Amino acid sequence: MPTQTEIELQAAAFRRLQKHLMQDRTDVQNIDMMNLTGFCRNCLSRWYQEAANERGIEMSKDEARELFYGMTMDQWKADYQTEAGDAKKEAFKTAFEENVGKV
């Protein structure tokens, strides 16, 4: 498969994953994703930011999140985020440390 075709397919798959998480499954909480998979929407937006920065494109965490979420983080939280119980919060600390770094 030509490299450009592979890049285009990867980009299409990423866009579909983004749509799935941002439109189709807004009910799935980031904390649940992190606890089960070791990544969440915020991780995806951070990876987007890191890729931009590696290419010399200045992008802040908030800018990357707004691009990925299609809205500000405050708006996402107001519209979709629910309160997490203590058990989920404790599990999150472990998942975050194992997959992202120190809490």
N, C-alpha and C. Protein backbone atom coordinates (compact mmCIF):
# COMPACT_ATOMS: atom_id res chain seq x y z
N MET A 1 0.86 -1.18 0.00
CA MET A 1 0.00 0.00 0.00
C MET A 1 0.90 1.24 0.00
N PRO A 2 0.61 2.19 -0.85
CA PRO A 2 1.41 3.42 -0.88
C PRO A 2 1.32 4.17 0.46
N THR A 3 2.41 4.79 0.86
CA THR A 3 2.48 5.50 2.14
C THR A 3 1.38 6.54 2.28
N GLN A 4 1.14 7.32 1.23
CA GLN A 4 0.11 8.37 1.30
C GLN A 4 -1.27 7.76 1.53
N THR A 5 -1.55 6.64 0.92
CA THR A 5 -2.83 5.96 1.11
C THR A 5 -2.95 5.49 2.56
N GLU A 6 -1.89 4.94 3.08
CA GLU A 6 -1.91 4.49 4.48
C GLU A 6 -2.16 5.66 5.43
N ILE A 7 -1.51 6.79 5.19
CA ILE A 7 -1.72 7.99 6.01
C ILE A 7 -3.17 8.44 5.93
N GLU A 8 -3.74 8.44 4.74
CA GLU A 8 -5.13 8.86 4.56
C GLU A 8 -6.09 7.92 5.27
N LEU A 9 -5.82 6.62 5.24
CA LEU A 9 -6.66 5.65 5.93
C LEU A 9 -6.55 5.82 7.45
N GLN A 10 -5.34 6.04 7.93
CA GLN A 10 -5.15 6.27 9.36
C GLN A 10 -5.89 7.53 9.80
N ALA A 11 -5.80 8.58 9.01
CA ALA A 11 -6.50 9.84 9.33
C ALA A 11 -8.01 9.63 9.33
N ALA A 12 -8.52 8.87 8.38
CA ALA A 12 -9.96 8.59 8.32
C ALA A 12 -10.40 7.79 9.54
N ALA A 13 -9.60 6.82 9.94
CA ALA A 13 -9.93 6.02 11.12
C ALA A 13 -9.91 6.89 12.38
N PHE A 14 -8.95 7.79 12.48
CA PHE A 14 -8.90 8.71 13.62
C PHE A 14 -10.13 9.61 13.65
N ARG A 15 -10.51 10.15 12.50
CA ARG A 15 -11.69 11.01 12.45
C ARG A 15 -12.95 10.24 12.85
N ARG A 16 -13.03 8.99 12.47
CA ARG A 16 -14.19 8.18 12.84
C ARG A 16 -14.20 7.89 14.34
N LEU A 17 -13.03 7.62 14.91
CA LEU A 17 -12.93 7.42 16.35
C LEU A 17 -13.34 8.70 17.08
N GLN A 18 -12.88 9.82 16.60
CA GLN A 18 -13.23 11.10 17.20
C GLN A 18 -14.75 11.31 17.13
N LYS A 19 -15.36 11.07 16.00
CA LYS A 19 -16.81 11.22 15.86
C LYS A 19 -17.54 10.27 16.80
N HIS A 20 -17.06 9.05 16.88
CA HIS A 20 -17.69 8.07 17.76
C HIS A 20 -17.68 8.56 19.21
N LEU A 21 -16.54 9.08 19.66
CA LEU A 21 -16.42 9.52 21.05
C LEU A 21 -17.11 10.86 21.31
N MET A 22 -17.15 11.74 20.31
CA MET A 22 -17.67 13.08 20.52
C MET A 22 -19.14 13.23 20.17
N GLN A 23 -19.67 12.33 19.34
CA GLN A 23 -21.07 12.45 18.92
C GLN A 23 -21.89 11.21 19.25
N ASP A 24 -21.34 10.05 18.97
CA ASP A 24 -22.12 8.82 19.13
C ASP A 24 -22.18 8.33 20.57
N ARG A 25 -21.10 8.53 21.34
CA ARG A 25 -21.02 7.97 22.70
C ARG A 25 -20.61 9.02 23.73
N THR A 26 -21.33 10.13 23.73
CA THR A 26 -21.07 11.16 24.73
C THR A 26 -21.40 10.67 26.14
N ASP A 27 -22.14 9.56 26.23
CA ASP A 27 -22.48 9.00 27.53
C ASP A 27 -21.30 8.32 28.20
N VAL A 28 -20.30 7.94 27.44
CA VAL A 28 -19.13 7.28 28.00
C VAL A 28 -18.23 8.34 28.63
N GLN A 29 -17.98 8.20 29.91
CA GLN A 29 -17.20 9.18 30.65
C GLN A 29 -15.70 8.97 30.44
N ASN A 30 -14.96 10.06 30.43
CA ASN A 30 -13.50 9.97 30.30
C ASN A 30 -12.89 9.12 31.41
N ILE A 31 -13.39 9.27 32.63
CA ILE A 31 -12.82 8.51 33.74
C ILE A 31 -13.00 7.01 33.53
N ASP A 32 -14.14 6.61 32.96
CA ASP A 32 -14.37 5.19 32.67
C ASP A 32 -13.43 4.70 31.57
N MET A 33 -13.24 5.52 30.55
CA MET A 33 -12.32 5.16 29.47
C MET A 33 -10.90 4.97 30.03
N MET A 34 -10.45 5.93 30.83
CA MET A 34 -9.10 5.86 31.38
C MET A 34 -8.95 4.63 32.28
N ASN A 35 -9.94 4.38 33.11
CA ASN A 35 -9.86 3.24 34.02
C ASN A 35 -9.85 1.91 33.29
N LEU A 36 -10.56 1.83 32.16
CA LEU A 36 -10.64 0.57 31.42
C LEU A 36 -9.56 0.41 30.35
N THR A 37 -9.19 1.51 29.70
CA THR A 37 -8.32 1.41 28.53
C THR A 37 -6.96 2.07 28.68
N GLY A 38 -6.83 2.93 29.69
CA GLY A 38 -5.56 3.64 29.87
C GLY A 38 -5.43 4.89 29.02
N PHE A 39 -6.51 5.29 28.35
CA PHE A 39 -6.53 6.55 27.61
C PHE A 39 -7.96 7.06 27.56
N CYS A 40 -8.09 8.36 27.26
CA CYS A 40 -9.42 8.97 27.17
C CYS A 40 -9.39 10.08 26.12
N ARG A 41 -10.45 10.81 26.03
CA ARG A 41 -10.52 11.91 25.06
C ARG A 41 -9.41 12.93 25.30
N ASN A 42 -9.11 13.20 26.57
CA ASN A 42 -8.04 14.16 26.87
C ASN A 42 -6.69 13.65 26.37
N CYS A 43 -6.46 12.35 26.48
CA CYS A 43 -5.22 11.77 25.96
C CYS A 43 -5.14 11.96 24.45
N LEU A 44 -6.24 11.69 23.76
CA LEU A 44 -6.27 11.86 22.31
C LEU A 44 -5.99 13.30 21.93
N SER A 45 -6.56 14.25 22.65
CA SER A 45 -6.29 15.66 22.34
C SER A 45 -4.84 16.01 22.66
N ARG A 46 -4.27 15.42 23.72
CA ARG A 46 -2.86 15.67 24.05
C ARG A 46 -1.95 15.09 22.98
N TRP A 47 -2.28 13.91 22.46
CA TRP A 47 -1.47 13.32 21.40
C TRP A 47 -1.53 14.19 20.14
N TYR A 48 -2.68 14.77 19.89
CA TYR A 48 -2.86 15.70 18.77
C TYR A 48 -1.94 16.92 18.97
N GLN A 49 -1.96 17.46 20.18
CA GLN A 49 -1.11 18.60 20.52
C GLN A 49 0.37 18.24 20.37
N GLU A 50 0.76 17.10 20.89
CA GLU A 50 2.16 16.67 20.79
C GLU A 50 2.59 16.52 19.34
N ALA A 51 1.74 15.96 18.50
CA ALA A 51 2.06 15.81 17.07
C ALA A 51 2.24 17.18 16.43
N ALA A 52 1.37 18.12 16.77
CA ALA A 52 1.50 19.49 16.23
C ALA A 52 2.80 20.12 16.69
N ASN A 53 3.07 20.04 17.99
CA ASN A 53 4.28 20.65 18.54
C ASN A 53 5.54 20.04 17.94
N GLU A 54 5.54 18.73 17.70
CA GLU A 54 6.69 18.06 17.08
C GLU A 54 6.96 18.58 15.67
N ARG A 55 5.92 19.10 15.04
CA ARG A 55 6.05 19.64 13.68
C ARG A 55 6.22 21.15 13.68
N GLY A 56 6.49 21.72 14.85
CA GLY A 56 6.73 23.16 14.96
C GLY A 56 5.46 23.99 14.97
N ILE A 57 4.32 23.37 15.17
CA ILE A 57 3.05 24.09 15.24
C ILE A 57 2.73 24.34 16.71
N GLU A 58 2.69 25.60 17.09
CA GLU A 58 2.38 25.96 18.47
C GLU A 58 0.92 25.64 18.75
N MET A 59 0.68 24.85 19.80
CA MET A 59 -0.69 24.51 20.17
C MET A 59 -0.71 24.23 21.67
N SER A 60 -1.58 24.91 22.38
CA SER A 60 -1.70 24.70 23.82
C SER A 60 -2.61 23.51 24.09
N LYS A 61 -2.60 23.06 25.34
CA LYS A 61 -3.48 21.98 25.75
C LYS A 61 -4.94 22.36 25.53
N ASP A 62 -5.29 23.59 25.92
CA ASP A 62 -6.68 24.03 25.74
C ASP A 62 -7.07 24.13 24.27
N GLU A 63 -6.15 24.60 23.43
CA GLU A 63 -6.44 24.67 21.98
C GLU A 63 -6.65 23.28 21.41
N ALA A 64 -5.80 22.33 21.81
CA ALA A 64 -5.92 20.96 21.31
C ALA A 64 -7.24 20.33 21.76
N ARG A 65 -7.60 20.56 23.01
CA ARG A 65 -8.85 20.01 23.51
C ARG A 65 -10.04 20.60 22.77
N GLU A 66 -10.01 21.90 22.52
CA GLU A 66 -11.13 22.52 21.81
C GLU A 66 -11.23 21.99 20.38
N LEU A 67 -10.08 21.78 19.73
CA LEU A 67 -10.10 21.20 18.39
C LEU A 67 -10.65 19.78 18.41
N PHE A 68 -10.23 18.98 19.38
CA PHE A 68 -10.68 17.59 19.44
C PHE A 68 -12.14 17.50 19.87
N TYR A 69 -12.50 18.24 20.92
CA TYR A 69 -13.86 18.17 21.46
C TYR A 69 -14.87 18.92 20.60
N GLY A 70 -14.41 19.90 19.84
CA GLY A 70 -15.33 20.72 19.06
C GLY A 70 -16.03 21.76 19.92
N MET A 71 -15.52 21.97 21.11
CA MET A 71 -16.05 22.94 22.07
C MET A 71 -15.02 23.08 23.18
N THR A 72 -15.23 24.04 24.05
CA THR A 72 -14.32 24.18 25.17
C THR A 72 -14.51 23.03 26.15
N MET A 73 -13.50 22.80 26.94
CA MET A 73 -13.58 21.74 27.95
C MET A 73 -14.69 22.07 28.96
N ASP A 74 -14.82 23.33 29.32
CA ASP A 74 -15.89 23.72 30.25
C ASP A 74 -17.27 23.39 29.68
N GLN A 75 -17.46 23.63 28.38
CA GLN A 75 -18.75 23.32 27.75
C GLN A 75 -19.00 21.82 27.74
N TRP A 76 -17.96 21.03 27.40
CA TRP A 76 -18.09 19.57 27.40
C TRP A 76 -18.51 19.08 28.78
N LYS A 77 -17.81 19.56 29.80
CA LYS A 77 -18.13 19.13 31.16
C LYS A 77 -19.57 19.48 31.53
N ALA A 78 -19.99 20.69 31.20
CA ALA A 78 -21.36 21.12 31.52
C ALA A 78 -22.39 20.27 30.79
N ASP A 79 -22.11 19.90 29.55
CA ASP A 79 -23.08 19.16 28.74
C ASP A 79 -23.08 17.65 29.00
N TYR A 80 -21.91 17.07 29.29
CA TYR A 80 -21.81 15.61 29.27
C TYR A 80 -21.19 14.94 30.49
N GLN A 81 -20.39 15.66 31.25
CA GLN A 81 -19.68 14.99 32.34
C GLN A 81 -20.58 14.80 33.55
N THR A 82 -20.51 13.61 34.13
CA THR A 82 -21.25 13.31 35.34
C THR A 82 -20.27 13.15 36.50
N GLU A 83 -20.79 13.20 37.70
CA GLU A 83 -19.95 13.06 38.89
C GLU A 83 -19.48 11.62 39.02
N ALA A 84 -18.20 11.45 39.33
CA ALA A 84 -17.63 10.12 39.53
C ALA A 84 -17.55 9.81 41.01
N GLY A 85 -17.82 8.58 41.35
CA GLY A 85 -17.74 8.15 42.74
C GLY A 85 -16.30 7.98 43.20
N ASP A 86 -16.12 7.81 44.48
CA ASP A 86 -14.79 7.69 45.07
C ASP A 86 -14.01 6.51 44.50
N ALA A 87 -14.66 5.39 44.28
CA ALA A 87 -13.97 4.20 43.74
C ALA A 87 -13.42 4.49 42.35
N LYS A 88 -14.20 5.16 41.51
CA LYS A 88 -13.72 5.50 40.16
C LYS A 88 -12.55 6.48 40.24
N LYS A 89 -12.64 7.43 41.16
CA LYS A 89 -11.56 8.42 41.31
C LYS A 89 -10.27 7.75 41.76
N GLU A 90 -10.36 6.79 42.66
CA GLU A 90 -9.16 6.07 43.11
C GLU A 90 -8.58 5.22 41.97
N ALA A 91 -9.45 4.54 41.23
CA ALA A 91 -8.99 3.74 40.09
C ALA A 91 -8.33 4.64 39.05
N PHE A 92 -8.88 5.85 38.88
CA PHE A 92 -8.32 6.79 37.92
C PHE A 92 -6.89 7.17 38.30
N LYS A 93 -6.64 7.41 39.57
CA LYS A 93 -5.28 7.78 40.01
C LYS A 93 -4.28 6.73 39.56
N THR A 94 -4.63 5.47 39.75
CA THR A 94 -3.75 4.37 39.34
C THR A 94 -3.60 4.32 37.83
N ALA A 95 -4.72 4.38 37.10
CA ALA A 95 -4.68 4.31 35.64
C ALA A 95 -3.89 5.48 35.07
N PHE A 96 -4.09 6.67 35.60
CA PHE A 96 -3.38 7.85 35.12
C PHE A 96 -1.89 7.70 35.34
N GLU A 97 -1.50 7.29 36.55
CA GLU A 97 -0.08 7.13 36.86
C GLU A 97 0.57 6.09 35.96
N GLU A 98 -0.13 4.98 35.73
CA GLU A 98 0.43 3.90 34.91
C GLU A 98 0.52 4.29 33.43
N ASN A 99 -0.38 5.12 32.94
CA ASN A 99 -0.45 5.38 31.51
C ASN A 99 -0.01 6.79 31.09
N VAL A 100 -0.06 7.74 32.00
CA VAL A 100 0.27 9.12 31.63
C VAL A 100 1.44 9.64 32.44
N GLY A 101 1.41 9.46 33.71
CA GLY A 101 2.47 9.96 34.59
C GLY A 101 1.93 10.23 35.96
N LYS A 102 2.71 10.87 36.77
CA LYS A 102 2.33 11.15 38.16
C LYS A 102 1.12 12.06 38.21
N VAL A 103 0.21 11.75 39.14
CA VAL A 103 -0.99 12.56 39.36
C VAL A 103 -0.61 13.82 40.10
